[in-house]
Amino acid sequence: MRIARFAGDDDPRFGVIGDDNGVPTIAVLNGDPLYAGLNLSGQKIPLADVRLLAPVIPRSKVVCVGKNYAKHAAEMGGEVPKEPLIFLKPNTSVIGPGEPVFYPEQSSNVHFEGELAVVIGRICRDVPVEDAAKVIFGYTVANDVTARDLQATDGQWARAKGFDTFCPLGPWIETDFDPSGVQVTTRLNDDVKQDGNTSDMVFTVPDVIAYVSSFMTLLPGDVILTGTPDGVGPMVVGDEVSVTVEGIGTLTNTVVSRND
């Protein structure tokens, strides 16, 4: 099931994407499905008549895993971590499909990082690996935008990863999804730059959930970015970046100057 957050003529709402006699539609839900469940309102809207937003705005945090693909660790000049390398992005960095990524004036080397993202569905702590699926609401697509020069000079990653617009998510949440063995592809202006597979993750989705929940409580709507394959690289003002996760969909954003 694909659950989207969208804007029409009023406040943002949630709905289930489907098909009505060959026309893509969105069946409107009453409330936020993370808290109200899948409560259909009975209203259907053509998908073409709405604007998709980030499918979730984390109430608390975006948790990210660094160097979770061996080839990416190598291209960054490092070894694979012995434990998941965890950092945070603020929820203010989240934007949706089609929204602009602002190129900050503080950086001259901003990179794309296409990733599979996990949306947490319930409050949880100390989750065993074998129970990780029980706390997952669904999956979406992410771009862990990074100011690479600031990442190097700052010595920690808060600024490099945390600018407004540096966490595109979307286009929707897929609730019926197996994250093992799916392609993660990033295109820059139609040129394929990343083409990895989640089977190459060093730490699997259950591994990561178990590790993160061992030291911090995860809340409904929290998002976990699971790491990026090799092939990361710079993007500049005017570039269009599209991240595709097989079985979910494609997230596309354009880079613009923050001063425009």
C-alpha atoms as a PDB file:
ATOM      1  CA  MET A   1       0.000   0.000   0.000  1.00  0.00           C
ATOM      2  CA  ARG A   2       1.283   3.451  -0.939  1.00  0.00           C
ATOM      3  CA  ILE A   3       0.467   6.214   1.518  1.00  0.00           C
ATOM      4  CA  ALA A   4       1.074   9.803   0.491  1.00  0.00           C
ATOM      5  CA  ARG A   5       0.864  13.181   2.139  1.00  0.00           C
ATOM      6  CA  PHE A   6      -0.493  15.806  -0.197  1.00  0.00           C
ATOM      7  CA  ALA A   7      -1.699  19.361  -0.597  1.00  0.00           C
ATOM      8  CA  GLY A   8      -4.805  20.368  -2.491  1.00  0.00           C
ATOM      9  CA  ASP A   9      -6.940  23.393  -1.781  1.00  0.00           C
ATOM     10  CA  ASP A  10      -6.594  23.114   1.994  1.00  0.00           C
ATOM     11  CA  ASP A  11      -4.228  21.893   4.708  1.00  0.00           C
ATOM     12  CA  PRO A  12      -1.986  18.873   4.048  1.00  0.00           C
ATOM     13  CA  ARG A  13      -3.782  15.537   4.197  1.00  0.00           C
ATOM     14  CA  PHE A  14      -2.952  11.856   3.821  1.00  0.00           C
ATOM     15  CA  GLY A  15      -4.282   9.339   1.361  1.00  0.00           C
ATOM     16  CA  VAL A  16      -3.831   5.925  -0.234  1.00  0.00           C
ATOM     17  CA  ILE A  17      -2.698   5.934  -3.848  1.00  0.00           C
ATOM     18  CA  GLY A  18      -4.722   3.703  -6.127  1.00  0.00           C
ATOM     19  CA  ASP A  19      -6.481   3.449  -9.462  1.00  0.00           C
ATOM     20  CA  ASP A  20     -10.067   4.253 -10.411  1.00  0.00           C
ATOM     21  CA  ASN A  21     -10.987   2.936 -13.863  1.00  0.00           C
ATOM     22  CA  GLY A  22      -7.484   3.570 -15.130  1.00  0.00           C
ATOM     23  CA  VAL A  23      -7.131   7.005 -13.515  1.00  0.00           C
ATOM     24  CA  PRO A  24      -4.510   7.310 -10.732  1.00  0.00           C
ATOM     25  CA  THR A  25      -6.299   8.547  -7.632  1.00  0.00           C
ATOM     26  CA  ILE A  26      -5.693   9.226  -3.979  1.00  0.00           C
ATOM     27  CA  ALA A  27      -8.249   7.946  -1.461  1.00  0.00           C
ATOM     28  CA  VAL A  28      -8.289  10.508   1.327  1.00  0.00           C
ATOM     29  CA  LEU A  29      -7.700   9.370   4.912  1.00  0.00           C
ATOM     30  CA  ASN A  30      -9.099  10.879   8.083  1.00  0.00           C
ATOM     31  CA  GLY A  31      -6.103  12.087  10.077  1.00  0.00           C
ATOM     32  CA  ASP A  32      -2.496  10.949  10.143  1.00  0.00           C
ATOM     33  CA  PRO A  33      -2.325   7.166   9.572  1.00  0.00           C
ATOM     34  CA  LEU A  34       0.606   6.894  11.979  1.00  0.00           C
ATOM     35  CA  TYR A  35      -1.763   7.837  14.788  1.00  0.00           C
ATOM     36  CA  ALA A  36      -5.323   7.438  13.461  1.00  0.00           C
ATOM     37  CA  GLY A  37      -4.830   4.242  11.465  1.00  0.00           C
ATOM     38  CA  LEU A  38      -6.088   3.697   7.913  1.00  0.00           C
ATOM     39  CA  ASN A  39      -9.444   5.444   8.277  1.00  0.00           C
ATOM     40  CA  LEU A  40     -10.796   6.168   4.789  1.00  0.00           C
ATOM     41  CA  SER A  41     -12.967   9.263   4.401  1.00  0.00           C
ATOM     42  CA  GLY A  42     -14.715   8.025   1.262  1.00  0.00           C
ATOM     43  CA  GLN A  43     -13.350  10.898  -0.831  1.00  0.00           C
ATOM     44  CA  LYS A  44     -11.212  10.230  -3.891  1.00  0.00           C
ATOM     45  CA  ILE A  45      -9.171  12.827  -5.781  1.00  0.00           C
ATOM     46  CA  PRO A  46      -7.337  12.417  -9.093  1.00  0.00           C
ATOM     47  CA  LEU A  47      -3.643  12.206  -8.320  1.00  0.00           C
ATOM     48  CA  ALA A  48      -2.956  14.803 -11.016  1.00  0.00           C
ATOM     49  CA  ASP A  49      -4.970  17.372  -9.042  1.00  0.00           C
ATOM     50  CA  VAL A  50      -2.803  17.294  -5.911  1.00  0.00           C
ATOM     51  CA  ARG A  51       0.784  18.142  -5.017  1.00  0.00           C
ATOM     52  CA  LEU A  52       2.703  15.438  -3.200  1.00  0.00           C
ATOM     53  CA  LEU A  53       4.549  16.524  -0.068  1.00  0.00           C
ATOM     54  CA  ALA A  54       7.155  14.798   2.069  1.00  0.00           C
ATOM     55  CA  PRO A  55       5.224  11.675   3.118  1.00  0.00           C
ATOM     56  CA  VAL A  56       6.196  12.199   6.753  1.00  0.00           C
ATOM     57  CA  ILE A  57       7.521  15.096   8.797  1.00  0.00           C
ATOM     58  CA  PRO A  58       9.404  13.428  11.661  1.00  0.00           C
ATOM     59  CA  ARG A  59       8.061  14.619  15.025  1.00  0.00           C
ATOM     60  CA  SER A  60      11.451  13.909  16.557  1.00  0.00           C
ATOM     61  CA  LYS A  61      14.415  13.032  14.353  1.00  0.00           C
ATOM     62  CA  VAL A  62      15.982  11.669  11.197  1.00  0.00           C
ATOM     63  CA  VAL A  63      18.550   9.015  12.093  1.00  0.00           C
ATOM     64  CA  CYS A  64      21.190   8.251   9.468  1.00  0.00           C
ATOM     65  CA  VAL A  65      23.740   5.501   8.931  1.00  0.00           C
ATOM     66  CA  GLY A  66      27.112   6.465   7.488  1.00  0.00           C
ATOM     67  CA  LYS A  67      29.374   4.251   5.375  1.00  0.00           C
ATOM     68  CA  ASN A  68      26.885   1.373   5.278  1.00  0.00           C
ATOM     69  CA  TYR A  69      28.056   0.199   1.845  1.00  0.00           C
ATOM     70  CA  ALA A  70      31.664  -0.999   1.642  1.00  0.00           C
ATOM     71  CA  LYS A  71      32.335   0.624  -1.727  1.00  0.00           C
ATOM     72  CA  HIS A  72      31.039   3.961  -0.480  1.00  0.00           C
ATOM     73  CA  ALA A  73      33.256   3.705   2.594  1.00  0.00           C
ATOM     74  CA  ALA A  74      36.185   3.071   0.264  1.00  0.00           C
ATOM     75  CA  GLU A  75      35.397   6.019  -2.005  1.00  0.00           C
ATOM     76  CA  MET A  76      35.276   8.252   1.085  1.00  0.00           C
ATOM     77  CA  GLY A  77      38.739   7.048   2.030  1.00  0.00           C
ATOM     78  CA  GLY A  78      37.746   5.019   5.061  1.00  0.00           C
ATOM     79  CA  GLU A  79      37.125   1.514   6.277  1.00  0.00           C
ATOM     80  CA  VAL A  80      33.798  -0.110   7.010  1.00  0.00           C
ATOM     81  CA  PRO A  81      32.783   0.701  10.614  1.00  0.00           C
ATOM     82  CA  LYS A  82      32.671  -2.183  13.083  1.00  0.00           C
ATOM     83  CA  GLU A  83      29.317  -0.873  14.339  1.00  0.00           C
ATOM     84  CA  PRO A  84      26.752   1.296  12.540  1.00  0.00           C
ATOM     85  CA  LEU A  85      28.022   4.862  12.235  1.00  0.00           C
ATOM     86  CA  ILE A  86      25.092   6.998  13.373  1.00  0.00           C
ATOM     87  CA  PHE A  87      24.380  10.696  12.926  1.00  0.00           C
ATOM     88  CA  LEU A  88      21.261  12.862  12.952  1.00  0.00           C
ATOM     89  CA  LYS A  89      19.598  15.307  10.570  1.00  0.00           C
ATOM     90  CA  PRO A  90      17.080  17.815  11.963  1.00  0.00           C
ATOM     91  CA  ASN A  91      13.448  17.437  10.946  1.00  0.00           C
ATOM     92  CA  THR A  92      13.685  20.977   9.527  1.00  0.00           C
ATOM     93  CA  SER A  93      15.898  19.575   6.746  1.00  0.00           C
ATOM     94  CA  VAL A  94      12.992  17.514   5.338  1.00  0.00           C
ATOM     95  CA  ILE A  95      11.339  18.493   2.045  1.00  0.00           C
ATOM     96  CA  GLY A  96       9.150  16.598  -0.404  1.00  0.00           C
ATOM     97  CA  PRO A  97       9.252  15.576  -4.052  1.00  0.00           C
ATOM     98  CA  GLY A  98       9.591  18.443  -6.484  1.00  0.00           C
ATOM     99  CA  GLU A  99      10.694  20.904  -3.830  1.00  0.00           C
ATOM    100  CA  PRO A 100      13.990  22.748  -4.370  1.00  0.00           C
ATOM    101  CA  VAL A 101      17.213  21.874  -2.610  1.00  0.00           C
ATOM    102  CA  PHE A 102      18.834  25.160  -1.635  1.00  0.00           C
ATOM    103  CA  TYR A 103      22.566  25.367  -2.286  1.00  0.00           C
ATOM    104  CA  PRO A 104      23.986  27.148   0.779  1.00  0.00           C
ATOM    105  CA  GLU A 105      26.424  30.007   0.372  1.00  0.00           C
ATOM    106  CA  GLN A 106      28.673  28.433   3.036  1.00  0.00           C
ATOM    107  CA  SER A 107      29.566  25.505   0.764  1.00  0.00           C
ATOM    108  CA  SER A 108      31.101  24.968  -2.657  1.00  0.00           C
ATOM    109  CA  ASN A 109      30.861  21.169  -2.755  1.00  0.00           C
ATOM    110  CA  VAL A 110      27.341  19.823  -2.169  1.00  0.00           C
ATOM    111  CA  HIS A 111      26.762  16.122  -2.915  1.00  0.00           C
ATOM    112  CA  PHE A 112      23.778  13.857  -3.537  1.00  0.00           C
ATOM    113  CA  GLU A 113      23.419  10.566  -1.639  1.00  0.00           C
ATOM    114  CA  GLY A 114      20.501   8.374  -2.720  1.00  0.00           C
ATOM    115  CA  GLU A 115      19.161   6.069  -0.001  1.00  0.00           C
ATOM    116  CA  LEU A 116      16.414   3.756   1.172  1.00  0.00           C
ATOM    117  CA  ALA A 117      14.592   5.228   4.176  1.00  0.00           C
ATOM    118  CA  VAL A 118      12.605   3.497   6.921  1.00  0.00           C
ATOM    119  CA  VAL A 119       9.608   5.097   8.636  1.00  0.00           C
ATOM    120  CA  ILE A 120       9.060   3.978  12.231  1.00  0.00           C
ATOM    121  CA  GLY A 121       5.477   3.190  13.180  1.00  0.00           C
ATOM    122  CA  ARG A 122       5.448   2.950  16.968  1.00  0.00           C
ATOM    123  CA  ILE A 123       7.306   3.966  20.112  1.00  0.00           C
ATOM    124  CA  CYS A 124      10.070   1.458  20.670  1.00  0.00           C
ATOM    125  CA  ARG A 125      13.285   0.872  22.623  1.00  0.00           C
ATOM    126  CA  ASP A 126      15.671  -2.105  22.752  1.00  0.00           C
ATOM    127  CA  VAL A 127      14.134  -3.782  19.709  1.00  0.00           C
ATOM    128  CA  PRO A 128      15.562  -7.270  19.033  1.00  0.00           C
ATOM    129  CA  VAL A 129      16.747  -7.849  15.469  1.00  0.00           C
ATOM    130  CA  GLU A 130      14.074 -10.501  14.963  1.00  0.00           C
ATOM    131  CA  ASP A 131      11.314  -8.045  15.972  1.00  0.00           C
ATOM    132  CA  ALA A 132      12.412  -5.073  13.855  1.00  0.00           C
ATOM    133  CA  ALA A 133       9.645  -5.564  11.278  1.00  0.00           C
ATOM    134  CA  LYS A 134       7.041  -5.034  14.007  1.00  0.00           C
ATOM    135  CA  VAL A 135       8.049  -1.402  14.519  1.00  0.00           C
ATOM    136  CA  ILE A 136       8.274  -0.411  10.824  1.00  0.00           C
ATOM    137  CA  PHE A 137       5.392   1.542   9.305  1.00  0.00           C
ATOM    138  CA  GLY A 138       6.873   1.525   5.813  1.00  0.00           C
ATOM    139  CA  TYR A 139       9.647   2.642   3.500  1.00  0.00           C
ATOM    140  CA  THR A 140      10.338   5.649   1.319  1.00  0.00           C
ATOM    141  CA  VAL A 141      13.126   7.200  -0.771  1.00  0.00           C
ATOM    142  CA  ALA A 142      15.661   9.734   0.537  1.00  0.00           C
ATOM    143  CA  ASN A 143      18.501  11.951  -0.595  1.00  0.00           C
ATOM    144  CA  ASP A 144      20.997  12.593   2.196  1.00  0.00           C
ATOM    145  CA  VAL A 145      22.278  15.879   0.769  1.00  0.00           C
ATOM    146  CA  THR A 146      25.715  16.708   2.155  1.00  0.00           C
ATOM    147  CA  ALA A 147      28.010  19.736   2.092  1.00  0.00           C
ATOM    148  CA  ARG A 148      31.148  17.651   1.646  1.00  0.00           C
ATOM    149  CA  ASP A 149      33.620  20.464   2.264  1.00  0.00           C
ATOM    150  CA  LEU A 150      31.960  21.396   5.568  1.00  0.00           C
ATOM    151  CA  GLN A 151      31.848  17.749   6.566  1.00  0.00           C
ATOM    152  CA  ALA A 152      35.636  17.697   6.248  1.00  0.00           C
ATOM    153  CA  THR A 153      36.413  21.032   7.888  1.00  0.00           C
ATOM    154  CA  ASP A 154      33.922  20.931  10.771  1.00  0.00           C
ATOM    155  CA  GLY A 155      35.092  17.616  12.179  1.00  0.00           C
ATOM    156  CA  GLN A 156      31.503  16.607  12.857  1.00  0.00           C
ATOM    157  CA  TRP A 157      28.532  16.450  10.523  1.00  0.00           C
ATOM    158  CA  ALA A 158      25.741  18.547  12.031  1.00  0.00           C
ATOM    159  CA  ARG A 159      26.136  21.521   9.701  1.00  0.00           C
ATOM    160  CA  ALA A 160      27.161  19.549   6.609  1.00  0.00           C
ATOM    161  CA  LYS A 161      24.082  17.332   6.829  1.00  0.00           C
ATOM    162  CA  GLY A 162      21.637  19.646   8.544  1.00  0.00           C
ATOM    163  CA  PHE A 163      20.896  22.585   6.258  1.00  0.00           C
ATOM    164  CA  ASP A 164      17.249  23.289   5.480  1.00  0.00           C
ATOM    165  CA  THR A 165      16.174  21.217   2.419  1.00  0.00           C
ATOM    166  CA  PHE A 166      19.028  18.699   2.863  1.00  0.00           C
ATOM    167  CA  CYS A 167      16.690  15.730   3.446  1.00  0.00           C
ATOM    168  CA  PRO A 168      14.309  15.198   0.519  1.00  0.00           C
ATOM    169  CA  LEU A 169      11.840  12.348   1.202  1.00  0.00           C
ATOM    170  CA  GLY A 170       9.165  10.787  -0.995  1.00  0.00           C
ATOM    171  CA  PRO A 171       7.264  10.366  -3.109  1.00  0.00           C
ATOM    172  CA  TRP A 172       5.198   8.203  -0.724  1.00  0.00           C
ATOM    173  CA  ILE A 173       5.484   5.493   1.927  1.00  0.00           C
ATOM    174  CA  GLU A 174       5.296   1.893   0.740  1.00  0.00           C
ATOM    175  CA  THR A 175       3.968  -0.313   3.542  1.00  0.00           C
ATOM    176  CA  ASP A 176       4.243  -3.655   1.726  1.00  0.00           C
ATOM    177  CA  PHE A 177       7.927  -3.861   0.942  1.00  0.00           C
ATOM    178  CA  ASP A 178      10.881  -6.205   1.360  1.00  0.00           C
ATOM    179  CA  PRO A 179      14.063  -4.100   1.668  1.00  0.00           C
ATOM    180  CA  SER A 180      16.450  -6.935   0.852  1.00  0.00           C
ATOM    181  CA  GLY A 181      18.004  -7.083  -2.606  1.00  0.00           C
ATOM    182  CA  VAL A 182      16.520  -3.952  -4.220  1.00  0.00           C
ATOM    183  CA  GLN A 183      18.280  -1.476  -6.485  1.00  0.00           C
ATOM    184  CA  VAL A 184      19.034   2.065  -5.327  1.00  0.00           C
ATOM    185  CA  THR A 185      19.760   4.317  -8.304  1.00  0.00           C
ATOM    186  CA  THR A 186      20.596   8.021  -8.492  1.00  0.00           C
ATOM    187  CA  ARG A 187      20.466  10.025 -11.698  1.00  0.00           C
ATOM    188  CA  LEU A 188      21.959  13.474 -12.152  1.00  0.00           C
ATOM    189  CA  ASN A 189      20.362  15.159 -15.161  1.00  0.00           C
ATOM    190  CA  ASP A 190      19.540  11.708 -16.651  1.00  0.00           C
ATOM    191  CA  ASP A 191      23.068  10.347 -16.103  1.00  0.00           C
ATOM    192  CA  VAL A 192      23.221   7.366 -13.748  1.00  0.00           C
ATOM    193  CA  LYS A 193      25.662   8.142 -10.940  1.00  0.00           C
ATOM    194  CA  GLN A 194      24.749   5.557  -8.306  1.00  0.00           C
ATOM    195  CA  ASP A 195      23.490   2.054  -8.977  1.00  0.00           C
ATOM    196  CA  GLY A 196      23.706  -0.061  -5.840  1.00  0.00           C
ATOM    197  CA  ASN A 197      21.748  -2.825  -4.187  1.00  0.00           C
ATOM    198  CA  THR A 198      20.590  -3.116  -0.590  1.00  0.00           C
ATOM    199  CA  SER A 199      22.050  -6.617  -0.513  1.00  0.00           C
ATOM    200  CA  ASP A 200      25.417  -4.841  -0.250  1.00  0.00           C
ATOM    201  CA  MET A 201      24.531  -3.098   2.999  1.00  0.00           C
ATOM    202  CA  VAL A 202      27.030  -3.796   5.768  1.00  0.00           C
ATOM    203  CA  PHE A 203      24.283  -3.570   8.403  1.00  0.00           C
ATOM    204  CA  THR A 204      20.762  -4.620   7.431  1.00  0.00           C
ATOM    205  CA  VAL A 205      17.604  -2.700   8.288  1.00  0.00           C
ATOM    206  CA  PRO A 206      16.887  -4.954  11.313  1.00  0.00           C
ATOM    207  CA  ASP A 207      20.517  -4.576  12.437  1.00  0.00           C
ATOM    208  CA  VAL A 208      20.241  -0.803  12.316  1.00  0.00           C
ATOM    209  CA  ILE A 209      16.907  -0.635  14.132  1.00  0.00           C
ATOM    210  CA  ALA A 210      18.197  -2.902  16.888  1.00  0.00           C
ATOM    211  CA  TYR A 211      21.381  -0.846  17.243  1.00  0.00           C
ATOM    212  CA  VAL A 212      19.754   2.589  17.239  1.00  0.00           C
ATOM    213  CA  SER A 213      16.951   1.573  19.595  1.00  0.00           C
ATOM    214  CA  SER A 214      19.516   0.231  22.056  1.00  0.00           C
ATOM    215  CA  PHE A 215      20.473   3.805  22.991  1.00  0.00           C
ATOM    216  CA  MET A 216      17.608   6.051  21.889  1.00  0.00           C
ATOM    217  CA  THR A 217      13.843   5.709  21.872  1.00  0.00           C
ATOM    218  CA  LEU A 218      12.327   5.730  18.407  1.00  0.00           C
ATOM    219  CA  LEU A 219       8.982   7.479  17.948  1.00  0.00           C
ATOM    220  CA  PRO A 220       6.205   7.124  15.357  1.00  0.00           C
ATOM    221  CA  GLY A 221       7.247   9.069  12.267  1.00  0.00           C
ATOM    222  CA  ASP A 222      10.958   8.940  12.972  1.00  0.00           C
ATOM    223  CA  VAL A 223      12.890   8.233   9.779  1.00  0.00           C
ATOM    224  CA  ILE A 224      16.036   6.136   9.410  1.00  0.00           C
ATOM    225  CA  LEU A 225      18.257   6.671   6.358  1.00  0.00           C
ATOM    226  CA  THR A 226      20.059   3.394   5.743  1.00  0.00           C
ATOM    227  CA  GLY A 227      23.187   4.558   3.931  1.00  0.00           C
ATOM    228  CA  THR A 228      24.178   5.291   0.359  1.00  0.00           C
ATOM    229  CA  PRO A 229      25.902   3.171  -2.316  1.00  0.00           C
ATOM    230  CA  ASP A 230      29.095   4.306  -3.993  1.00  0.00           C
ATOM    231  CA  GLY A 231      29.016   6.910  -6.729  1.00  0.00           C
ATOM    232  CA  VAL A 232      28.209  10.008  -4.685  1.00  0.00           C
ATOM    233  CA  GLY A 233      29.233  13.263  -6.275  1.00  0.00           C
ATOM    234  CA  PRO A 234      28.664  16.989  -6.616  1.00  0.00           C
ATOM    235  CA  MET A 235      25.539  18.710  -7.795  1.00  0.00           C
ATOM    236  CA  VAL A 236      25.268  22.373  -8.730  1.00  0.00           C
ATOM    237  CA  VAL A 237      22.572  24.966  -9.155  1.00  0.00           C
ATOM    238  CA  GLY A 238      20.266  23.924 -11.980  1.00  0.00           C
ATOM    239  CA  ASP A 239      20.874  20.197 -11.603  1.00  0.00           C
ATOM    240  CA  GLU A 240      17.986  17.752 -11.279  1.00  0.00           C
ATOM    241  CA  VAL A 241      18.587  14.766  -9.015  1.00  0.00           C
ATOM    242  CA  SER A 242      16.359  11.680  -9.105  1.00  0.00           C
ATOM    243  CA  VAL A 243      16.697   8.825  -6.618  1.00  0.00           C
ATOM    244  CA  THR A 244      14.863   5.590  -7.375  1.00  0.00           C
ATOM    245  CA  VAL A 245      14.376   2.678  -4.999  1.00  0.00           C
ATOM    246  CA  GLU A 246      13.125  -0.390  -6.823  1.00  0.00           C
ATOM    247  CA  GLY A 247       9.604  -1.257  -5.695  1.00  0.00           C
ATOM    248  CA  ILE A 248       8.895   2.144  -4.152  1.00  0.00           C
ATOM    249  CA  GLY A 249       9.319   4.928  -6.689  1.00  0.00           C
ATOM    250  CA  THR A 250      11.375   7.946  -7.691  1.00  0.00           C
ATOM    251  CA  LEU A 251      12.136  11.107  -5.737  1.00  0.00           C
ATOM    252  CA  THR A 252      13.142  14.107  -7.867  1.00  0.00           C
ATOM    253  CA  ASN A 253      14.411  17.512  -6.725  1.00  0.00           C
ATOM    254  CA  THR A 254      16.148  20.447  -8.407  1.00  0.00           C
ATOM    255  CA  VAL A 255      19.064  22.403  -6.946  1.00  0.00           C
ATOM    256  CA  VAL A 256      18.582  26.172  -6.691  1.00  0.00           C
ATOM    257  CA  SER A 257      20.610  29.008  -5.228  1.00  0.00           C
ATOM    258  CA  ARG A 258      19.616  29.968  -1.713  1.00  0.00           C
ATOM    259  CA  ASN A 259      19.926  33.609  -2.781  1.00  0.00           C
ATOM    260  CA  ASP A 260      17.418  33.329  -5.655  1.00  0.00           C
END
